[in-house]
Structures are given as structure tokens and as C-alpha cells.
Amino acid sequence: MIEQIIVLDNADAAVFFGTNNSNLQLLKTLFPKLRIIARGNIIKVIGNAEEIPFFEEKMRDLELFCVDHNMLTEDNIIDIVKGKSPQGVKQDNLIIFGMNGKPISARNENQQKLVNAFQKNDLVFALGPAGSGKTYVAIALAVKALKNKEVKRIILSRPAVEAGEKLGFLPGDMKDKIDPYLQPLYDALEDMITPAKLKEYIENKVIQIAPLAFMRGRTLSDAVIILDEAQNTSIHQIKMFLTRLGMNAKMIITGDVTQIDLPPSQMSGLKHTLRVLDGVKGVGKIEFTKEDIVRHKLVQLIVDAYEKEDERRRKEFSESKE
């Protein structure tokens, strides 16, 4: 009899062992000659020296499936232990599997163009209206790169620009004041990473979420870096951010130039940068339209109505000058 310790380095233990340890109980049934004890992400197995290597091999296969699919069912376990290919979800344009195995994929042509541009370029601009999924897809691509060990960390940032509300009057300390601006980024991550794993990543700074001002002076290597709501950056801010790009790093800039919250006298850094970097090799640009909106159907109608109103006001202004 020998004893072997197996550490689940990547899988979330709660997902791996199942609700009320149902998966653990199944493993004990499938390996009746072994004594299996689990605590946290550590498995201790005691048994015959001939059976333990096979058990460890299957645990690694199960862990890999669990990490890739964000789920592990009893049917998956039985298939993998028996050497069969588990019945995974086949999905066109799949990016990653989110919580509970939900497939996250490109839902329209421009989302797929963003996926392709990310593969080909180190800097990609994703531009378009609210609800087109540009930020969500960008974060999914970052999580995929992290899971595949292509990068060591994810950096997510937003400018903390006051959109009608005064930041200083929000309750709490600086973190409490800033977090509401970053909540959309947390929301997307929570769709893709289990709560325990996300907490671990944030505590260990594998995933870093911070206002744009916190990026100054840093060199960001081995990372996917995302700047969201970039239309609200100044020219100096976005230049500072772009020059943070380090070795083995990719950057995605998202924004909607029709929703600028800067003072009227201040030019959007995003609009300026798009003009400056036009035609630069290694820079991709995807432009989403209102037809790409994947939220509630009313969102597309709302965006369309505002576009018509803006066009009417521009026409009135033009006629008044004649």
C-alpha cells in the first residue's frame, strides 16, 4: 500500500467535487480498491501501487476537462474514467465555456472579426454602440488566453469619468468610490470564472481591475490588457495607456464615440488615437453597428432613435448657419 498526494492546481475544487461532494462519491465508487480523501484542492489516495498511477492520470484528465468547460458532471467523469470522449457542447465560433459550462461564442459577424483580429494583432480597437458585446468578447478572449497559459495575467481598466454624478460625493473610501465604475468588468468575469477562482485570481493579482490613472509608470508584460470606455480618455491618458504594452502582451481598446462623457472643450483621446494610428501595421480595428446589439431588442431601437435625433439636430444646426 502506498500513499499519493494529488494537487488540483487549476480546477475549482467546488466544481470538481460537485454539489455535496457528489463527484467525489462517484470517484470512490469507480475506484473501490482505493481510499480517496479530499480536502480543499488536495486529494490523498491510498492503495495499490499499480492502481494509483492510473487514478492520477484520470484525475489530470478530469481536471483538464473541468478547467476547459467550467463544469464536471457525473456523466463526464464516467466517460473519462472509461476512456471515452466526454460529450462536450459543440458550438460554432466558441471562445470559452462560462459558468456551468455555458458556451460563450461570437454571436455575430463583427464579434467573430474581433476574435480573428485579436489572433492576428497585438493591439485591437473594438468600436461601437452599447450592447454590441465588444467588452464581453474582449474579456472572454483574455480569460481564454489565461486558461491556455498564453499569458500570466489579465489587466482590465476604465477611466473613472463622472457621467452626470459626482465621484467625490459617493460614500466610502477610494475603493468604494471607484468600484461602481469597474462593476461591468466584474460582471463579465463572474460569467466566465467560478467565484472561488475569481477571488483567488484577484487576490493573487493574476486578474487586476483598476482605474486608468493607476496604470501610469507600469510596463505590462505577459498579459492581455483591456481598456474599456476609452472614448472618455484624454489624449494624454490613452497615449500613456498604449505605451504600457510590454513583451508577450496584447491590448484591446473598446469604446463608443457617440457616448463621450468628457467636458465639451476636451477632445476624446480615442478619436485622436484612431486618427494617429490609422494604417499602422499590427493594429486591428473592428467597428460594430446597431445591428450587432445583442441585448434586449429595445436597446437597438433606443440607439436608432437617438441616432435619428442627433441627425435631426445636426441638420437644424446646419440650416441655422445658412
C-alpha atoms as a PDB file:
ATOM      1  CA  MET A   1       0.000   0.000   0.000  1.00  0.00           C
ATOM      2  CA  ILE A   2       1.272   3.447  -0.894  1.00  0.00           C
ATOM      3  CA  GLU A   3       0.013   6.985  -0.423  1.00  0.00           C
ATOM      4  CA  GLN A   4      -0.084   9.646  -3.143  1.00  0.00           C
ATOM      5  CA  ILE A   5      -0.947  13.330  -2.945  1.00  0.00           C
ATOM      6  CA  ILE A   6      -2.602  14.973  -5.980  1.00  0.00           C
ATOM      7  CA  VAL A   7      -2.997  18.750  -6.076  1.00  0.00           C
ATOM      8  CA  LEU A   8      -5.639  20.310  -8.320  1.00  0.00           C
ATOM      9  CA  ASP A   9      -3.686  23.375  -9.397  1.00  0.00           C
ATOM     10  CA  ASN A  10      -6.170  24.872 -11.835  1.00  0.00           C
ATOM     11  CA  ALA A  11      -9.666  23.481 -11.255  1.00  0.00           C
ATOM     12  CA  ASP A  12     -12.102  24.991  -8.772  1.00  0.00           C
ATOM     13  CA  ALA A  13     -12.484  22.347  -6.054  1.00  0.00           C
ATOM     14  CA  ALA A  14     -16.191  23.086  -5.567  1.00  0.00           C
ATOM     15  CA  VAL A  15     -16.881  22.435  -9.256  1.00  0.00           C
ATOM     16  CA  PHE A  16     -14.541  19.452  -9.443  1.00  0.00           C
ATOM     17  CA  PHE A  17     -16.014  17.591  -6.467  1.00  0.00           C
ATOM     18  CA  GLY A  18     -19.597  18.612  -7.200  1.00  0.00           C
ATOM     19  CA  THR A  19     -22.519  19.670  -5.036  1.00  0.00           C
ATOM     20  CA  ASN A  20     -22.320  17.961  -1.639  1.00  0.00           C
ATOM     21  CA  ASN A  21     -19.217  16.118  -2.919  1.00  0.00           C
ATOM     22  CA  SER A  22     -21.337  14.075  -5.333  1.00  0.00           C
ATOM     23  CA  ASN A  23     -18.462  13.744  -7.817  1.00  0.00           C
ATOM     24  CA  LEU A  24     -16.122  12.632  -5.046  1.00  0.00           C
ATOM     25  CA  GLN A  25     -18.572   9.911  -4.017  1.00  0.00           C
ATOM     26  CA  LEU A  26     -18.771   8.740  -7.623  1.00  0.00           C
ATOM     27  CA  LEU A  27     -14.967   8.545  -7.845  1.00  0.00           C
ATOM     28  CA  LYS A  28     -14.924   6.384  -4.719  1.00  0.00           C
ATOM     29  CA  THR A  29     -17.437   4.078  -6.397  1.00  0.00           C
ATOM     30  CA  LEU A  30     -15.436   3.903  -9.621  1.00  0.00           C
ATOM     31  CA  PHE A  31     -12.205   3.150  -7.724  1.00  0.00           C
ATOM     32  CA  PRO A  32     -13.403   0.817  -4.916  1.00  0.00           C
ATOM     33  CA  LYS A  33      -9.922  -0.544  -4.153  1.00  0.00           C
ATOM     34  CA  LEU A  34      -8.557   2.914  -3.364  1.00  0.00           C
ATOM     35  CA  ARG A  35      -9.110   5.054  -0.297  1.00  0.00           C
ATOM     36  CA  ILE A  36      -9.750   8.594  -1.523  1.00  0.00           C
ATOM     37  CA  ILE A  37      -9.701  11.603   0.804  1.00  0.00           C
ATOM     38  CA  ALA A  38     -10.189  15.191  -0.403  1.00  0.00           C
ATOM     39  CA  ARG A  39      -9.640  18.453   1.425  1.00  0.00           C
ATOM     40  CA  GLY A  40      -9.723  21.741  -0.443  1.00  0.00           C
ATOM     41  CA  ASN A  41      -7.897  21.227  -3.721  1.00  0.00           C
ATOM     42  CA  ILE A  42      -5.790  18.317  -2.381  1.00  0.00           C
ATOM     43  CA  ILE A  43      -6.611  14.663  -2.981  1.00  0.00           C
ATOM     44  CA  LYS A  44      -4.926  11.978  -0.879  1.00  0.00           C
ATOM     45  CA  VAL A  45      -5.224   8.472  -2.285  1.00  0.00           C
ATOM     46  CA  ILE A  46      -4.083   5.266  -0.581  1.00  0.00           C
ATOM     47  CA  GLY A  47      -3.935   1.926  -2.326  1.00  0.00           C
ATOM     48  CA  ASN A  48      -2.144  -0.490  -4.601  1.00  0.00           C
ATOM     49  CA  ALA A  49       0.942   0.829  -6.368  1.00  0.00           C
ATOM     50  CA  GLU A  50      -0.407  -0.471  -9.677  1.00  0.00           C
ATOM     51  CA  GLU A  51      -3.746   1.371  -9.483  1.00  0.00           C
ATOM     52  CA  ILE A  52      -2.622   4.760  -8.201  1.00  0.00           C
ATOM     53  CA  PRO A  53      -0.808   5.901 -11.412  1.00  0.00           C
ATOM     54  CA  PHE A  54      -3.955   5.166 -13.446  1.00  0.00           C
ATOM     55  CA  PHE A  55      -6.067   7.073 -10.904  1.00  0.00           C
ATOM     56  CA  GLU A  56      -3.714  10.069 -11.036  1.00  0.00           C
ATOM     57  CA  GLU A  57      -3.807  10.075 -14.849  1.00  0.00           C
ATOM     58  CA  LYS A  58      -7.600  10.171 -14.792  1.00  0.00           C
ATOM     59  CA  MET A  59      -7.609  12.958 -12.202  1.00  0.00           C
ATOM     60  CA  ARG A  60      -5.462  15.070 -14.541  1.00  0.00           C
ATOM     61  CA  ASP A  61      -7.817  14.344 -17.447  1.00  0.00           C
ATOM     62  CA  LEU A  62     -10.800  15.293 -15.290  1.00  0.00           C
ATOM     63  CA  GLU A  63      -9.100  18.464 -14.101  1.00  0.00           C
ATOM     64  CA  LEU A  64      -8.321  19.500 -17.678  1.00  0.00           C
ATOM     65  CA  PHE A  65     -11.941  18.953 -18.723  1.00  0.00           C
ATOM     66  CA  CYS A  66     -13.190  20.835 -15.655  1.00  0.00           C
ATOM     67  CA  VAL A  67     -10.960  23.838 -16.369  1.00  0.00           C
ATOM     68  CA  ASP A  68     -11.851  23.936 -20.074  1.00  0.00           C
ATOM     69  CA  HIS A  69     -15.598  23.538 -19.632  1.00  0.00           C
ATOM     70  CA  ASN A  70     -16.163  25.180 -16.214  1.00  0.00           C
ATOM     71  CA  MET A  71     -18.202  22.128 -15.245  1.00  0.00           C
ATOM     72  CA  LEU A  72     -17.823  18.432 -14.421  1.00  0.00           C
ATOM     73  CA  THR A  73     -20.868  16.174 -14.428  1.00  0.00           C
ATOM     74  CA  GLU A  74     -21.159  12.562 -13.331  1.00  0.00           C
ATOM     75  CA  ASP A  75     -21.548  11.532 -16.991  1.00  0.00           C
ATOM     76  CA  ASN A  76     -18.308  13.390 -17.834  1.00  0.00           C
ATOM     77  CA  ILE A  77     -16.485  11.527 -15.051  1.00  0.00           C
ATOM     78  CA  ILE A  78     -17.749   8.114 -16.144  1.00  0.00           C
ATOM     79  CA  ASP A  79     -16.808   8.773 -19.788  1.00  0.00           C
ATOM     80  CA  ILE A  80     -13.295   9.998 -18.946  1.00  0.00           C
ATOM     81  CA  VAL A  81     -12.546   7.192 -16.474  1.00  0.00           C
ATOM     82  CA  LYS A  82     -13.707   4.634 -19.052  1.00  0.00           C
ATOM     83  CA  GLY A  83     -11.523   6.233 -21.720  1.00  0.00           C
ATOM     84  CA  LYS A  84     -14.389   7.635 -23.782  1.00  0.00           C
ATOM     85  CA  SER A  85     -14.576  11.133 -25.204  1.00  0.00           C
ATOM     86  CA  PRO A  86     -16.922  13.126 -22.933  1.00  0.00           C
ATOM     87  CA  GLN A  87     -19.988  14.615 -24.527  1.00  0.00           C
ATOM     88  CA  GLY A  88     -18.956  18.242 -24.720  1.00  0.00           C
ATOM     89  CA  VAL A  89     -21.052  21.029 -26.206  1.00  0.00           C
ATOM     90  CA  LYS A  90     -20.137  21.654 -29.822  1.00  0.00           C
ATOM     91  CA  GLN A  91     -20.643  25.266 -30.733  1.00  0.00           C
ATOM     92  CA  ASP A  92     -19.674  27.256 -33.789  1.00  0.00           C
ATOM     93  CA  ASN A  93     -17.401  30.224 -33.082  1.00  0.00           C
ATOM     94  CA  LEU A  94     -16.834  29.030 -29.498  1.00  0.00           C
ATOM     95  CA  ILE A  95     -14.466  31.200 -27.428  1.00  0.00           C
ATOM     96  CA  ILE A  96     -14.668  29.580 -23.972  1.00  0.00           C
ATOM     97  CA  PHE A  97     -17.110  27.826 -21.676  1.00  0.00           C
ATOM     98  CA  GLY A  98     -18.541  30.079 -18.997  1.00  0.00           C
ATOM     99  CA  MET A  99     -20.196  29.275 -15.689  1.00  0.00           C
ATOM    100  CA  ASN A 100     -21.883  25.861 -15.525  1.00  0.00           C
ATOM    101  CA  GLY A 101     -20.491  25.001 -18.934  1.00  0.00           C
ATOM    102  CA  LYS A 102     -22.390  27.737 -20.774  1.00  0.00           C
ATOM    103  CA  PRO A 103     -20.710  28.208 -24.168  1.00  0.00           C
ATOM    104  CA  ILE A 104     -19.541  31.757 -24.848  1.00  0.00           C
ATOM    105  CA  SER A 105     -19.138  32.313 -28.555  1.00  0.00           C
ATOM    106  CA  ALA A 106     -19.099  35.026 -31.187  1.00  0.00           C
ATOM    107  CA  ARG A 107     -22.764  35.844 -31.786  1.00  0.00           C
ATOM    108  CA  ASN A 108     -22.435  37.835 -34.988  1.00  0.00           C
ATOM    109  CA  GLU A 109     -20.010  38.580 -37.789  1.00  0.00           C
ATOM    110  CA  ASN A 110     -18.319  41.551 -36.116  1.00  0.00           C
ATOM    111  CA  GLN A 111     -17.803  39.669 -32.848  1.00  0.00           C
ATOM    112  CA  GLN A 112     -16.078  36.945 -34.874  1.00  0.00           C
ATOM    113  CA  LYS A 113     -13.999  39.626 -36.621  1.00  0.00           C
ATOM    114  CA  LEU A 114     -12.870  40.791 -33.160  1.00  0.00           C
ATOM    115  CA  VAL A 115     -11.836  37.218 -32.302  1.00  0.00           C
ATOM    116  CA  ASN A 116      -9.869  36.963 -35.563  1.00  0.00           C
ATOM    117  CA  ALA A 117      -8.280  40.408 -35.160  1.00  0.00           C
ATOM    118  CA  PHE A 118      -7.124  39.509 -31.635  1.00  0.00           C
ATOM    119  CA  GLN A 119      -5.330  36.455 -33.006  1.00  0.00           C
ATOM    120  CA  LYS A 120      -3.555  38.459 -35.702  1.00  0.00           C
ATOM    121  CA  ASN A 121      -2.719  41.735 -33.927  1.00  0.00           C
ATOM    122  CA  ASP A 122      -1.180  42.860 -30.638  1.00  0.00           C
ATOM    123  CA  LEU A 123      -3.412  45.947 -30.475  1.00  0.00           C
ATOM    124  CA  VAL A 124      -7.093  45.898 -31.427  1.00  0.00           C
ATOM    125  CA  PHE A 125      -9.722  48.640 -31.298  1.00  0.00           C
ATOM    126  CA  ALA A 126     -13.324  47.467 -30.849  1.00  0.00           C
ATOM    127  CA  LEU A 127     -15.691  50.359 -31.508  1.00  0.00           C
ATOM    128  CA  GLY A 128     -19.443  50.579 -31.443  1.00  0.00           C
ATOM    129  CA  PRO A 129     -22.668  51.127 -29.529  1.00  0.00           C
ATOM    130  CA  ALA A 130     -23.626  49.861 -26.099  1.00  0.00           C
ATOM    131  CA  GLY A 131     -24.863  46.289 -26.094  1.00  0.00           C
ATOM    132  CA  SER A 132     -22.853  45.076 -29.091  1.00  0.00           C
ATOM    133  CA  GLY A 133     -20.818  42.730 -26.880  1.00  0.00           C
ATOM    134  CA  LYS A 134     -17.418  44.248 -27.625  1.00  0.00           C
ATOM    135  CA  THR A 135     -16.260  44.345 -23.984  1.00  0.00           C
ATOM    136  CA  TYR A 136     -17.754  40.944 -23.165  1.00  0.00           C
ATOM    137  CA  VAL A 137     -15.972  39.266 -26.098  1.00  0.00           C
ATOM    138  CA  ALA A 138     -12.735  41.078 -25.236  1.00  0.00           C
ATOM    139  CA  ILE A 139     -12.832  39.739 -21.670  1.00  0.00           C
ATOM    140  CA  ALA A 140     -13.705  36.236 -22.936  1.00  0.00           C
ATOM    141  CA  LEU A 141     -10.623  36.330 -25.173  1.00  0.00           C
ATOM    142  CA  ALA A 142      -8.493  37.427 -22.210  1.00  0.00           C
ATOM    143  CA  VAL A 143      -9.836  34.628 -19.991  1.00  0.00           C
ATOM    144  CA  LYS A 144      -9.200  32.107 -22.752  1.00  0.00           C
ATOM    145  CA  ALA A 145      -5.584  33.268 -23.126  1.00  0.00           C
ATOM    146  CA  LEU A 146      -5.111  32.988 -19.345  1.00  0.00           C
ATOM    147  CA  LYS A 147      -6.610  29.492 -19.201  1.00  0.00           C
ATOM    148  CA  ASN A 148      -4.432  28.373 -22.110  1.00  0.00           C
ATOM    149  CA  LYS A 149      -1.363  29.772 -20.269  1.00  0.00           C
ATOM    150  CA  GLU A 150      -0.606  32.080 -23.192  1.00  0.00           C
ATOM    151  CA  VAL A 151      -0.356  34.933 -20.681  1.00  0.00           C
ATOM    152  CA  LYS A 152       0.179  35.140 -16.930  1.00  0.00           C
ATOM    153  CA  ARG A 153      -2.340  37.845 -16.081  1.00  0.00           C
ATOM    154  CA  ILE A 154      -5.246  39.980 -17.218  1.00  0.00           C
ATOM    155  CA  ILE A 155      -5.298  43.752 -16.740  1.00  0.00           C
ATOM    156  CA  LEU A 156      -8.689  45.487 -17.006  1.00  0.00           C
ATOM    157  CA  SER A 157      -9.067  49.233 -16.815  1.00  0.00           C
ATOM    158  CA  ARG A 158     -11.577  52.023 -17.254  1.00  0.00           C
ATOM    159  CA  PRO A 159     -11.342  55.804 -16.947  1.00  0.00           C
ATOM    160  CA  ALA A 160     -13.241  56.939 -13.829  1.00  0.00           C
ATOM    161  CA  VAL A 161     -15.110  59.727 -15.570  1.00  0.00           C
ATOM    162  CA  GLU A 162     -18.116  61.296 -13.905  1.00  0.00           C
ATOM    163  CA  ALA A 163     -21.134  60.748 -16.183  1.00  0.00           C
ATOM    164  CA  GLY A 164     -23.519  63.177 -14.518  1.00  0.00           C
ATOM    165  CA  GLU A 165     -22.715  62.058 -10.955  1.00  0.00           C
ATOM    166  CA  LYS A 166     -20.002  63.449  -8.714  1.00  0.00           C
ATOM    167  CA  LEU A 167     -17.413  60.880  -7.684  1.00  0.00           C
ATOM    168  CA  GLY A 168     -16.430  62.747  -4.530  1.00  0.00           C
ATOM    169  CA  PHE A 169     -19.903  62.506  -3.053  1.00  0.00           C
ATOM    170  CA  LEU A 170     -20.081  58.715  -3.287  1.00  0.00           C
ATOM    171  CA  PRO A 171     -19.864  57.029   0.150  1.00  0.00           C
ATOM    172  CA  GLY A 172     -16.850  55.073   1.410  1.00  0.00           C
ATOM    173  CA  ASP A 173     -13.122  55.094   0.806  1.00  0.00           C
ATOM    174  CA  MET A 174     -11.403  55.371  -2.584  1.00  0.00           C
ATOM    175  CA  LYS A 175     -12.005  51.709  -3.464  1.00  0.00           C
ATOM    176  CA  ASP A 176     -15.698  52.068  -2.621  1.00  0.00           C
ATOM    177  CA  LYS A 177     -15.918  55.159  -4.824  1.00  0.00           C
ATOM    178  CA  ILE A 178     -14.107  53.548  -7.773  1.00  0.00           C
ATOM    179  CA  ASP A 179     -15.664  50.044  -7.768  1.00  0.00           C
ATOM    180  CA  PRO A 180     -19.024  51.128  -9.268  1.00  0.00           C
ATOM    181  CA  TYR A 181     -17.166  52.320 -12.375  1.00  0.00           C
ATOM    182  CA  LEU A 182     -15.490  48.922 -12.710  1.00  0.00           C
ATOM    183  CA  GLN A 183     -18.546  46.771 -11.923  1.00  0.00           C
ATOM    184  CA  PRO A 184     -19.321  45.938 -15.599  1.00  0.00           C
ATOM    185  CA  LEU A 185     -15.907  44.290 -15.811  1.00  0.00           C
ATOM    186  CA  TYR A 186     -16.582  42.231 -12.682  1.00  0.00           C
ATOM    187  CA  ASP A 187     -19.970  41.226 -14.120  1.00  0.00           C
ATOM    188  CA  ALA A 188     -18.380  39.782 -17.256  1.00  0.00           C
ATOM    189  CA  LEU A 189     -15.711  37.917 -15.287  1.00  0.00           C
ATOM    190  CA  GLU A 190     -18.352  36.406 -12.989  1.00  0.00           C
ATOM    191  CA  ASP A 191     -19.998  34.882 -16.085  1.00  0.00           C
ATOM    192  CA  MET A 192     -16.765  33.126 -17.029  1.00  0.00           C
ATOM    193  CA  ILE A 193     -14.878  32.191 -13.844  1.00  0.00           C
ATOM    194  CA  THR A 194     -16.169  30.463 -10.717  1.00  0.00           C
ATOM    195  CA  PRO A 195     -16.436  32.727  -7.636  1.00  0.00           C
ATOM    196  CA  ALA A 196     -13.697  30.957  -5.673  1.00  0.00           C
ATOM    197  CA  LYS A 197     -11.273  31.013  -8.605  1.00  0.00           C
ATOM    198  CA  LEU A 198     -12.046  34.634  -9.442  1.00  0.00           C
ATOM    199  CA  LYS A 199     -11.421  35.655  -5.830  1.00  0.00           C
ATOM    200  CA  GLU A 200      -8.112  33.757  -5.884  1.00  0.00           C
ATOM    201  CA  TYR A 201      -7.073  35.385  -9.165  1.00  0.00           C
ATOM    202  CA  ILE A 202      -7.854  38.880  -7.861  1.00  0.00           C
ATOM    203  CA  GLU A 203      -6.147  38.319  -4.508  1.00  0.00           C
ATOM    204  CA  ASN A 204      -3.016  36.998  -6.273  1.00  0.00           C
ATOM    205  CA  LYS A 205      -3.166  39.830  -8.839  1.00  0.00           C
ATOM    206  CA  VAL A 206      -3.492  37.383 -11.720  1.00  0.00           C
ATOM    207  CA  ILE A 207      -6.522  39.475 -12.659  1.00  0.00           C
ATOM    208  CA  GLN A 208      -6.136  43.172 -11.947  1.00  0.00           C
ATOM    209  CA  ILE A 209      -9.007  45.648 -12.283  1.00  0.00           C
ATOM    210  CA  ALA A 210      -8.100  49.280 -11.787  1.00  0.00           C
ATOM    211  CA  PRO A 211      -8.923  52.815 -12.960  1.00  0.00           C
ATOM    212  CA  LEU A 212      -6.848  54.139 -15.819  1.00  0.00           C
ATOM    213  CA  ALA A 213      -4.898  56.520 -13.564  1.00  0.00           C
ATOM    214  CA  PHE A 214      -3.381  53.510 -11.761  1.00  0.00           C
ATOM    215  CA  MET A 215      -1.617  52.374 -14.959  1.00  0.00           C
ATOM    216  CA  ARG A 216       0.920  55.198 -15.060  1.00  0.00           C
ATOM    217  CA  GLY A 217       4.558  54.118 -14.811  1.00  0.00           C
ATOM    218  CA  ARG A 218       3.866  50.406 -15.332  1.00  0.00           C
ATOM    219  CA  THR A 219       5.130  48.032 -18.032  1.00  0.00           C
ATOM    220  CA  LEU A 220       2.539  45.334 -18.681  1.00  0.00           C
ATOM    221  CA  SER A 221       4.127  42.116 -19.988  1.00  0.00           C
ATOM    222  CA  ASP A 222       2.787  38.556 -20.364  1.00  0.00           C
ATOM    223  CA  ALA A 223      -0.729  39.910 -20.200  1.00  0.00           C
ATOM    224  CA  VAL A 224      -3.941  40.677 -22.015  1.00  0.00           C
ATOM    225  CA  ILE A 225      -4.733  44.321 -21.290  1.00  0.00           C
ATOM    226  CA  ILE A 226      -8.184  45.780 -21.881  1.00  0.00           C
ATOM    227  CA  LEU A 227      -9.149  49.452 -21.726  1.00  0.00           C
ATOM    228  CA  ASP A 228     -12.926  49.828 -21.647  1.00  0.00           C
ATOM    229  CA  GLU A 229     -14.918  53.034 -22.297  1.00  0.00           C
ATOM    230  CA  ALA A 230     -11.865  54.526 -23.988  1.00  0.00           C
ATOM    231  CA  GLN A 231     -13.933  57.350 -25.507  1.00  0.00           C
ATOM    232  CA  ASN A 232     -13.701  59.003 -22.078  1.00  0.00           C
ATOM    233  CA  THR A 233      -9.915  59.210 -22.053  1.00  0.00           C
ATOM    234  CA  SER A 234      -7.941  62.336 -22.776  1.00  0.00           C
ATOM    235  CA  ILE A 235      -5.263  62.352 -25.466  1.00  0.00           C
ATOM    236  CA  HIS A 236      -2.501  62.110 -22.822  1.00  0.00           C
ATOM    237  CA  GLN A 237      -4.271  59.316 -20.912  1.00  0.00           C
ATOM    238  CA  ILE A 238      -4.717  56.989 -23.863  1.00  0.00           C
ATOM    239  CA  LYS A 239      -1.159  57.651 -25.065  1.00  0.00           C
ATOM    240  CA  MET A 240       0.071  56.756 -21.582  1.00  0.00           C
ATOM    241  CA  PHE A 241      -2.007  53.569 -21.606  1.00  0.00           C
ATOM    242  CA  LEU A 242      -0.918  52.426 -25.074  1.00  0.00           C
ATOM    243  CA  THR A 243       2.732  52.825 -24.157  1.00  0.00           C
ATOM    244  CA  ARG A 244       2.329  50.404 -21.201  1.00  0.00           C
ATOM    245  CA  LEU A 245       2.374  47.490 -23.691  1.00  0.00           C
ATOM    246  CA  GLY A 246       5.180  45.078 -22.785  1.00  0.00           C
ATOM    247  CA  MET A 247       6.601  41.851 -24.171  1.00  0.00           C
ATOM    248  CA  ASN A 248       4.215  38.971 -24.919  1.00  0.00           C
ATOM    249  CA  ALA A 249       1.237  41.214 -24.331  1.00  0.00           C
ATOM    250  CA  LYS A 250      -1.911  42.020 -26.250  1.00  0.00           C
ATOM    251  CA  MET A 251      -4.162  45.018 -25.841  1.00  0.00           C
ATOM    252  CA  ILE A 252      -7.838  45.574 -26.662  1.00  0.00           C
ATOM    253  CA  ILE A 253      -9.307  49.084 -26.577  1.00  0.00           C
ATOM    254  CA  THR A 254     -13.106  49.350 -26.536  1.00  0.00           C
ATOM    255  CA  GLY A 255     -15.236  52.445 -26.842  1.00  0.00           C
ATOM    256  CA  ASP A 256     -18.252  54.202 -28.285  1.00  0.00           C
ATOM    257  CA  VAL A 257     -17.501  57.629 -29.725  1.00  0.00           C
ATOM    258  CA  THR A 258     -21.209  58.548 -29.569  1.00  0.00           C
ATOM    259  CA  GLN A 259     -21.207  58.342 -25.748  1.00  0.00           C
ATOM    260  CA  ILE A 260     -18.433  60.703 -24.682  1.00  0.00           C
ATOM    261  CA  ASP A 261     -18.795  61.989 -21.102  1.00  0.00           C
ATOM    262  CA  LEU A 262     -15.863  64.409 -21.224  1.00  0.00           C
ATOM    263  CA  PRO A 263     -16.378  68.178 -20.970  1.00  0.00           C
ATOM    264  CA  PRO A 264     -17.299  69.685 -24.385  1.00  0.00           C
ATOM    265  CA  SER A 265     -13.965  71.528 -24.512  1.00  0.00           C
ATOM    266  CA  GLN A 266     -11.916  68.315 -24.190  1.00  0.00           C
ATOM    267  CA  MET A 267     -11.233  66.091 -27.199  1.00  0.00           C
ATOM    268  CA  SER A 268     -11.679  62.347 -26.814  1.00  0.00           C
ATOM    269  CA  GLY A 269      -8.339  60.561 -26.726  1.00  0.00           C
ATOM    270  CA  LEU A 270      -9.894  57.608 -28.529  1.00  0.00           C
ATOM    271  CA  LYS A 271     -10.937  59.694 -31.531  1.00  0.00           C
ATOM    272  CA  HIS A 272      -7.494  61.290 -31.695  1.00  0.00           C
ATOM    273  CA  THR A 273      -5.679  57.929 -31.399  1.00  0.00           C
ATOM    274  CA  LEU A 274      -7.750  56.306 -34.136  1.00  0.00           C
ATOM    275  CA  ARG A 275      -6.628  59.075 -36.478  1.00  0.00           C
ATOM    276  CA  VAL A 276      -2.968  58.914 -35.391  1.00  0.00           C
ATOM    277  CA  LEU A 277      -2.695  55.102 -35.631  1.00  0.00           C
ATOM    278  CA  ASP A 278      -4.655  54.724 -38.854  1.00  0.00           C
ATOM    279  CA  GLY A 279      -2.733  52.352 -41.139  1.00  0.00           C
ATOM    280  CA  VAL A 280      -0.147  51.314 -38.540  1.00  0.00           C
ATOM    281  CA  LYS A 281       0.871  47.674 -39.034  1.00  0.00           C
ATOM    282  CA  GLY A 282      -0.127  45.344 -36.191  1.00  0.00           C
ATOM    283  CA  VAL A 283      -3.154  47.432 -35.193  1.00  0.00           C
ATOM    284  CA  GLY A 284      -6.612  45.991 -35.848  1.00  0.00           C
ATOM    285  CA  LYS A 285      -9.919  47.846 -35.819  1.00  0.00           C
ATOM    286  CA  ILE A 286     -13.426  46.394 -35.674  1.00  0.00           C
ATOM    287  CA  GLU A 287     -16.432  48.710 -35.970  1.00  0.00           C
ATOM    288  CA  PHE A 288     -19.693  47.409 -34.519  1.00  0.00           C
ATOM    289  CA  THR A 289     -23.050  48.842 -35.571  1.00  0.00           C
ATOM    290  CA  LYS A 290     -26.504  48.983 -34.009  1.00  0.00           C
ATOM    291  CA  GLU A 291     -27.331  45.779 -35.919  1.00  0.00           C
ATOM    292  CA  ASP A 292     -24.756  43.981 -33.722  1.00  0.00           C
ATOM    293  CA  ILE A 293     -26.551  44.796 -30.450  1.00  0.00           C
ATOM    294  CA  VAL A 294     -27.173  41.572 -28.533  1.00  0.00           C
ATOM    295  CA  ARG A 295     -29.024  42.954 -25.506  1.00  0.00           C
ATOM    296  CA  HIS A 296     -32.808  43.343 -25.225  1.00  0.00           C
ATOM    297  CA  LYS A 297     -34.347  44.161 -28.625  1.00  0.00           C
ATOM    298  CA  LEU A 298     -35.406  47.568 -27.263  1.00  0.00           C
ATOM    299  CA  VAL A 299     -31.748  48.607 -26.922  1.00  0.00           C
ATOM    300  CA  GLN A 300     -31.312  48.573 -30.693  1.00  0.00           C
ATOM    301  CA  LEU A 301     -34.467  50.651 -31.128  1.00  0.00           C
ATOM    302  CA  ILE A 302     -33.281  53.117 -28.462  1.00  0.00           C
ATOM    303  CA  VAL A 303     -29.893  53.533 -30.149  1.00  0.00           C
ATOM    304  CA  ASP A 304     -31.636  54.013 -33.507  1.00  0.00           C
ATOM    305  CA  ALA A 305     -33.980  56.658 -32.052  1.00  0.00           C
ATOM    306  CA  TYR A 306     -31.082  58.634 -30.561  1.00  0.00           C
ATOM    307  CA  GLU A 307     -29.175  58.467 -33.864  1.00  0.00           C
ATOM    308  CA  LYS A 308     -32.194  59.928 -35.668  1.00  0.00           C
ATOM    309  CA  GLU A 309     -32.492  62.689 -33.051  1.00  0.00           C
ATOM    310  CA  ASP A 310     -28.781  63.537 -33.368  1.00  0.00           C
ATOM    311  CA  GLU A 311     -29.102  63.679 -37.145  1.00  0.00           C
ATOM    312  CA  ARG A 312     -32.161  65.966 -36.856  1.00  0.00           C
ATOM    313  CA  ARG A 313     -30.285  68.354 -34.536  1.00  0.00           C
ATOM    314  CA  ARG A 314     -27.236  68.402 -36.838  1.00  0.00           C
ATOM    315  CA  LYS A 315     -29.498  69.240 -39.767  1.00  0.00           C
ATOM    316  CA  GLU A 316     -31.216  72.048 -37.834  1.00  0.00           C
ATOM    317  CA  PHE A 317     -27.840  73.465 -36.762  1.00  0.00           C
ATOM    318  CA  SER A 318     -26.550  73.343 -40.340  1.00  0.00           C
ATOM    319  CA  GLU A 319     -29.660  75.119 -41.692  1.00  0.00           C
ATOM    320  CA  SER A 320     -29.473  77.789 -38.981  1.00  0.00           C
ATOM    321  CA  LYS A 321     -25.949  78.736 -40.120  1.00  0.00           C
ATOM    322  CA  GLU A 322     -27.004  79.201 -43.731  1.00  0.00           C
END
